[in-house]
Amino acid sequence: MTNRIAVPPIPDAFLRRVRSEGIDDQGQPVKHVVAEGGEPCRDVLRRARPSERLILASFTPFSKPGPYKEYGPIFVLADETGEEIGRDQLPPAGSEHDYLREQFVIRAYSDAEEILDAEMVKAPDIGTTVERLFDRADTAFLHVRFPTYGCFALRIDRADPDR
């Protein structure tokens, strides 16, 4: 599994804009907050530590117009940390301290950025669900979302898109 997927980062242009200009994907001011601890930081794929400075901003993981293009709030660290992030594997899942925790939603999308399939997944089943959704020839990428608020957690691409 780990050599079959890639977890792309939040786009650098978005991170630069929210950190230096304070403007999000909807052209509105970002909100600066101090972490209580446990907030999901999308840029580093981990939970925030108490007292870390965060930015809460509206983000869209989509690049094409259409009915599925969504905007939603995400947390990112207010300052670049240079942390190493394993982008060839899924982030930790299963406990309240893990980035993905115990349950989440995975959605499969086409090249046209339209939903093909979606499933509520428990942490132990993430690998098999990702593989099953990528077994569809028309699946271009996956989005993982947090189930309670529906917020975007991460994108999963095939490591070899020609597969």
C-alpha atoms as a PDB file:
ATOM      1  CA  MET A   1       0.000   0.000   0.000  1.00  0.00           C
ATOM      2  CA  THR A   2       2.644   2.575   0.957  1.00  0.00           C
ATOM      3  CA  ASN A   3       4.323   2.462  -2.442  1.00  0.00           C
ATOM      4  CA  ARG A   4       0.975   2.772  -4.254  1.00  0.00           C
ATOM      5  CA  ILE A   5      -0.246   6.096  -2.847  1.00  0.00           C
ATOM      6  CA  ALA A   6       0.855   9.699  -2.533  1.00  0.00           C
ATOM      7  CA  VAL A   7      -0.575  12.274  -0.142  1.00  0.00           C
ATOM      8  CA  PRO A   8      -0.099  15.664  -1.782  1.00  0.00           C
ATOM      9  CA  PRO A   9       0.533  18.685   0.429  1.00  0.00           C
ATOM     10  CA  ILE A  10      -1.762  21.656   0.803  1.00  0.00           C
ATOM     11  CA  PRO A  11      -0.698  23.911  -2.115  1.00  0.00           C
ATOM     12  CA  ASP A  12       2.231  26.218  -1.347  1.00  0.00           C
ATOM     13  CA  ALA A  13       0.373  29.172  -2.894  1.00  0.00           C
ATOM     14  CA  PHE A  14      -2.460  28.738  -0.377  1.00  0.00           C
ATOM     15  CA  LEU A  15      -0.066  28.430   2.571  1.00  0.00           C
ATOM     16  CA  ARG A  16       1.921  31.508   1.502  1.00  0.00           C
ATOM     17  CA  ARG A  17      -1.253  33.537   1.017  1.00  0.00           C
ATOM     18  CA  VAL A  18      -2.840  32.654   4.373  1.00  0.00           C
ATOM     19  CA  ARG A  19       0.434  33.104   6.257  1.00  0.00           C
ATOM     20  CA  SER A  20       1.697  36.308   4.631  1.00  0.00           C
ATOM     21  CA  GLU A  21      -1.421  38.050   3.297  1.00  0.00           C
ATOM     22  CA  GLY A  22      -4.001  36.641   5.724  1.00  0.00           C
ATOM     23  CA  ILE A  23      -6.467  35.853   2.907  1.00  0.00           C
ATOM     24  CA  ASP A  24      -8.112  32.465   2.316  1.00  0.00           C
ATOM     25  CA  ASP A  25      -9.496  30.702  -0.787  1.00  0.00           C
ATOM     26  CA  GLN A  26     -12.708  32.724  -0.613  1.00  0.00           C
ATOM     27  CA  GLY A  27     -10.852  36.040  -0.437  1.00  0.00           C
ATOM     28  CA  GLN A  28     -11.769  36.633   3.172  1.00  0.00           C
ATOM     29  CA  PRO A  29      -9.515  37.294   6.182  1.00  0.00           C
ATOM     30  CA  VAL A  30      -8.178  34.239   8.006  1.00  0.00           C
ATOM     31  CA  LYS A  31      -8.636  33.715  11.735  1.00  0.00           C
ATOM     32  CA  HIS A  32      -5.564  33.410  13.971  1.00  0.00           C
ATOM     33  CA  VAL A  33      -6.016  31.109  16.960  1.00  0.00           C
ATOM     34  CA  VAL A  34      -3.936  29.527  19.679  1.00  0.00           C
ATOM     35  CA  ALA A  35      -4.328  25.756  19.762  1.00  0.00           C
ATOM     36  CA  GLU A  36      -6.061  24.129  22.654  1.00  0.00           C
ATOM     37  CA  GLY A  37      -4.421  20.931  21.434  1.00  0.00           C
ATOM     38  CA  GLY A  38      -5.898  18.330  19.119  1.00  0.00           C
ATOM     39  CA  GLU A  39      -6.901  20.535  16.196  1.00  0.00           C
ATOM     40  CA  PRO A  40      -6.198  18.753  12.870  1.00  0.00           C
ATOM     41  CA  CYS A  41      -3.357  20.602  11.122  1.00  0.00           C
ATOM     42  CA  ARG A  42      -3.745  19.906   7.404  1.00  0.00           C
ATOM     43  CA  ASP A  43      -0.300  21.156   6.418  1.00  0.00           C
ATOM     44  CA  VAL A  44       1.613  18.738   8.678  1.00  0.00           C
ATOM     45  CA  LEU A  45      -0.976  15.916   8.954  1.00  0.00           C
ATOM     46  CA  ARG A  46      -0.904  15.821  12.732  1.00  0.00           C
ATOM     47  CA  ARG A  47      -2.868  17.130  15.673  1.00  0.00           C
ATOM     48  CA  ALA A  48      -1.910  20.537  17.059  1.00  0.00           C
ATOM     49  CA  ARG A  49      -0.020  20.795  20.311  1.00  0.00           C
ATOM     50  CA  PRO A  50      -1.366  23.076  23.058  1.00  0.00           C
ATOM     51  CA  SER A  51      -0.341  26.728  22.550  1.00  0.00           C
ATOM     52  CA  GLU A  52       0.754  26.329  18.909  1.00  0.00           C
ATOM     53  CA  ARG A  53      -0.212  29.271  16.755  1.00  0.00           C
ATOM     54  CA  LEU A  54      -2.724  28.239  14.081  1.00  0.00           C
ATOM     55  CA  ILE A  55      -4.552  29.764  11.166  1.00  0.00           C
ATOM     56  CA  LEU A  56      -8.166  28.820  10.494  1.00  0.00           C
ATOM     57  CA  ALA A  57      -9.001  29.517   6.855  1.00  0.00           C
ATOM     58  CA  SER A  58     -11.466  28.521   4.170  1.00  0.00           C
ATOM     59  CA  PHE A  59      -9.904  26.127   1.641  1.00  0.00           C
ATOM     60  CA  THR A  60     -11.002  24.257  -1.445  1.00  0.00           C
ATOM     61  CA  PRO A  61      -9.193  21.072  -2.465  1.00  0.00           C
ATOM     62  CA  PHE A  62     -10.773  21.329  -5.927  1.00  0.00           C
ATOM     63  CA  SER A  63      -9.363  22.985  -9.032  1.00  0.00           C
ATOM     64  CA  LYS A  64     -12.382  22.803 -11.379  1.00  0.00           C
ATOM     65  CA  PRO A  65     -15.764  24.500 -11.217  1.00  0.00           C
ATOM     66  CA  GLY A  66     -18.778  22.296 -10.706  1.00  0.00           C
ATOM     67  CA  PRO A  67     -21.425  21.156  -8.252  1.00  0.00           C
ATOM     68  CA  TYR A  68     -18.975  19.220  -6.076  1.00  0.00           C
ATOM     69  CA  LYS A  69     -16.532  22.097  -5.553  1.00  0.00           C
ATOM     70  CA  GLU A  70     -16.610  22.763  -1.824  1.00  0.00           C
ATOM     71  CA  TYR A  71     -14.971  25.282   0.490  1.00  0.00           C
ATOM     72  CA  GLY A  72     -14.483  24.566   4.137  1.00  0.00           C
ATOM     73  CA  PRO A  73     -12.450  25.474   7.176  1.00  0.00           C
ATOM     74  CA  ILE A  74      -9.023  23.978   7.748  1.00  0.00           C
ATOM     75  CA  PHE A  75      -6.335  24.563  10.350  1.00  0.00           C
ATOM     76  CA  VAL A  76      -2.722  25.099   9.299  1.00  0.00           C
ATOM     77  CA  LEU A  77       0.255  26.066  11.407  1.00  0.00           C
ATOM     78  CA  ALA A  78       0.798  29.825  11.466  1.00  0.00           C
ATOM     79  CA  ASP A  79       4.517  29.329  10.823  1.00  0.00           C
ATOM     80  CA  GLU A  80       6.348  26.917   8.546  1.00  0.00           C
ATOM     81  CA  THR A  81       8.117  24.293  10.674  1.00  0.00           C
ATOM     82  CA  GLY A  82      10.043  22.259   8.130  1.00  0.00           C
ATOM     83  CA  GLU A  83       8.634  19.067   9.656  1.00  0.00           C
ATOM     84  CA  GLU A  84       9.184  15.860   7.723  1.00  0.00           C
ATOM     85  CA  ILE A  85       5.866  14.467   6.522  1.00  0.00           C
ATOM     86  CA  GLY A  86       5.534  10.971   5.090  1.00  0.00           C
ATOM     87  CA  ARG A  87       3.668  11.630   1.871  1.00  0.00           C
ATOM     88  CA  ASP A  88       3.983   8.064   0.562  1.00  0.00           C
ATOM     89  CA  GLN A  89       1.841   6.629   3.339  1.00  0.00           C
ATOM     90  CA  LEU A  90      -1.370   7.376   5.177  1.00  0.00           C
ATOM     91  CA  PRO A  91      -1.113   9.396   8.388  1.00  0.00           C
ATOM     92  CA  PRO A  92      -1.753   7.653  11.704  1.00  0.00           C
ATOM     93  CA  ALA A  93      -5.353   6.651  12.380  1.00  0.00           C
ATOM     94  CA  GLY A  94      -7.165   4.872  15.166  1.00  0.00           C
ATOM     95  CA  SER A  95      -6.762   6.760  18.425  1.00  0.00           C
ATOM     96  CA  GLU A  96      -7.959  10.152  19.640  1.00  0.00           C
ATOM     97  CA  HIS A  97      -4.366  11.424  19.345  1.00  0.00           C
ATOM     98  CA  ASP A  98      -3.930  10.329  15.710  1.00  0.00           C
ATOM     99  CA  TYR A  99      -4.550  12.717  12.856  1.00  0.00           C
ATOM    100  CA  LEU A 100      -7.450  10.686  11.409  1.00  0.00           C
ATOM    101  CA  ARG A 101      -8.716   9.259  14.691  1.00  0.00           C
ATOM    102  CA  GLU A 102     -11.118   6.296  14.685  1.00  0.00           C
ATOM    103  CA  GLN A 103     -13.574   6.955  11.862  1.00  0.00           C
ATOM    104  CA  PHE A 104     -13.675   9.090   8.728  1.00  0.00           C
ATOM    105  CA  VAL A 105     -15.214   9.345   5.277  1.00  0.00           C
ATOM    106  CA  ILE A 106     -13.388   8.519   2.050  1.00  0.00           C
ATOM    107  CA  ARG A 107     -14.772   9.858  -1.234  1.00  0.00           C
ATOM    108  CA  ALA A 108     -13.639   8.753  -4.692  1.00  0.00           C
ATOM    109  CA  TYR A 109     -13.582  11.393  -7.455  1.00  0.00           C
ATOM    110  CA  SER A 110     -13.231  11.305 -11.226  1.00  0.00           C
ATOM    111  CA  ASP A 111     -10.873  13.451 -13.336  1.00  0.00           C
ATOM    112  CA  ALA A 112     -13.816  15.851 -13.708  1.00  0.00           C
ATOM    113  CA  GLU A 113     -13.860  16.147  -9.875  1.00  0.00           C
ATOM    114  CA  GLU A 114     -17.241  14.460  -9.530  1.00  0.00           C
ATOM    115  CA  ILE A 115     -18.002  12.003  -6.732  1.00  0.00           C
ATOM    116  CA  LEU A 116     -17.997   8.364  -7.833  1.00  0.00           C
ATOM    117  CA  ASP A 117     -18.298   6.624  -4.469  1.00  0.00           C
ATOM    118  CA  ALA A 118     -18.086   7.350  -0.755  1.00  0.00           C
ATOM    119  CA  GLU A 119     -17.777   5.266   2.371  1.00  0.00           C
ATOM    120  CA  MET A 120     -17.671   5.765   6.139  1.00  0.00           C
ATOM    121  CA  VAL A 121     -14.511   3.943   7.247  1.00  0.00           C
ATOM    122  CA  LYS A 122     -13.118   2.775  10.562  1.00  0.00           C
ATOM    123  CA  ALA A 123      -9.358   3.159  11.004  1.00  0.00           C
ATOM    124  CA  PRO A 124      -8.422  -0.540  10.643  1.00  0.00           C
ATOM    125  CA  ASP A 125     -10.172  -0.622   7.238  1.00  0.00           C
ATOM    126  CA  ILE A 126      -8.526   2.388   5.634  1.00  0.00           C
ATOM    127  CA  GLY A 127      -5.992   0.454   3.549  1.00  0.00           C
ATOM    128  CA  THR A 128      -8.470  -1.987   2.047  1.00  0.00           C
ATOM    129  CA  THR A 129     -10.981   0.784   1.368  1.00  0.00           C
ATOM    130  CA  VAL A 130      -8.377   2.929  -0.400  1.00  0.00           C
ATOM    131  CA  GLU A 131      -7.335  -0.055  -2.528  1.00  0.00           C
ATOM    132  CA  ARG A 132     -10.947  -0.955  -3.357  1.00  0.00           C
ATOM    133  CA  LEU A 133     -11.751   2.615  -4.424  1.00  0.00           C
ATOM    134  CA  PHE A 134      -8.588   2.801  -6.543  1.00  0.00           C
ATOM    135  CA  ASP A 135      -9.515  -0.518  -8.189  1.00  0.00           C
ATOM    136  CA  ARG A 136     -12.107   1.483 -10.104  1.00  0.00           C
ATOM    137  CA  ALA A 137     -10.504   2.619 -13.363  1.00  0.00           C
ATOM    138  CA  ASP A 138     -12.439   5.915 -13.262  1.00  0.00           C
ATOM    139  CA  THR A 139     -11.145   6.928  -9.806  1.00  0.00           C
ATOM    140  CA  ALA A 140      -8.672   9.782 -10.227  1.00  0.00           C
ATOM    141  CA  PHE A 141      -8.148  10.641  -6.539  1.00  0.00           C
ATOM    142  CA  LEU A 142      -9.642  10.275  -3.069  1.00  0.00           C
ATOM    143  CA  HIS A 143     -10.537  12.761  -0.371  1.00  0.00           C
ATOM    144  CA  VAL A 144     -10.611  11.860   3.304  1.00  0.00           C
ATOM    145  CA  ARG A 145     -12.936  13.916   5.477  1.00  0.00           C
ATOM    146  CA  PHE A 146     -13.665  14.097   9.164  1.00  0.00           C
ATOM    147  CA  PRO A 147     -17.181  12.722   9.730  1.00  0.00           C
ATOM    148  CA  THR A 148     -18.641  15.024  12.369  1.00  0.00           C
ATOM    149  CA  TYR A 149     -17.894  18.393  10.768  1.00  0.00           C
ATOM    150  CA  GLY A 150     -17.245  17.078   7.247  1.00  0.00           C
ATOM    151  CA  CYS A 151     -13.977  18.993   6.994  1.00  0.00           C
ATOM    152  CA  PHE A 152     -11.339  18.088   4.433  1.00  0.00           C
ATOM    153  CA  ALA A 153      -8.525  16.017   5.959  1.00  0.00           C
ATOM    154  CA  LEU A 154      -6.337  15.023   3.007  1.00  0.00           C
ATOM    155  CA  ARG A 155      -6.164  13.957  -0.609  1.00  0.00           C
ATOM    156  CA  ILE A 156      -4.837  10.574  -1.722  1.00  0.00           C
ATOM    157  CA  ASP A 157      -3.441  10.069  -5.226  1.00  0.00           C
ATOM    158  CA  ARG A 158      -2.092   6.972  -6.888  1.00  0.00           C
ATOM    159  CA  ALA A 159       1.706   6.978  -6.623  1.00  0.00           C
ATOM    160  CA  ASP A 160       1.706   5.723 -10.199  1.00  0.00           C
ATOM    161  CA  PRO A 161      -1.105   7.631 -11.954  1.00  0.00           C
ATOM    162  CA  ASP A 162      -0.623   5.582 -15.148  1.00  0.00           C
ATOM    163  CA  ARG A 163      -1.805   2.411 -13.376  1.00  0.00           C
END
